[in-house]
Amino acid sequence: MRLPAAVLTAAVTVPLLLATSGCTKESERAADRTTEASPSATSTTTGTTGATGTATGSPGSGGASYPSFAAEDYSYHLEVLCYCPQVGTVEVVVRDGEVTQATSLDGPAAGTAAPDFAWLSIDDIIEQANAPGIAKAKVKWPDGQDHPTSVMLDRIANAVDDEVTYTIKDVQVP
């Protein structure tokens, strides 16, 4: 028995409409569209530093510009939140400005090498926030600190599944 085309179309369309009804576009959400400068004195942006030390903007379009992290040898804990495999906390070791080790600290992969996308120095993360093609960067950079604690990137405006948030903790400089 063959189903009429209208019934088949409705059977496919209704679930798709229901599945997407909760989705919104970036322009439909309340958002802070102001650009604030990084709390660092070496920042080259104009604007004001918020009380929270949070800077938002689009570096490629005259937004914030974030300074590099001066230390060449250090370790830190990184958490990556994205539409990618979740690896939990990763201990990253940097020597002479290059990542030499990235090890998963928790979850089923604890003690093993982290995936390539987690082999990032703090400067690698800051460079992504400064990249001209980034649609939006939101950086939490506490006053008086030489590195951010959180970097949220929206790589493509009005696209889904391209956002990534990096959380930087427990930075240890020998």
Foldseek 3Di string as FASTA:
>chain_A
DDDDPVVVVCVVPVVVCVVCVPDDFPVPDDDDADFAEQLDPPWDADHHQDPQRKGKDQLLPRGTAADAQPAQWKKWWKFKDFPDDGQAIWIWTGHRNATPFIARCDDPRHPHGDDPVPRDDQRNLSVVSNDNQWPMWMWRCDNPDRGTQKIWTRRDHRDPRRIMMMGIGDIGGD
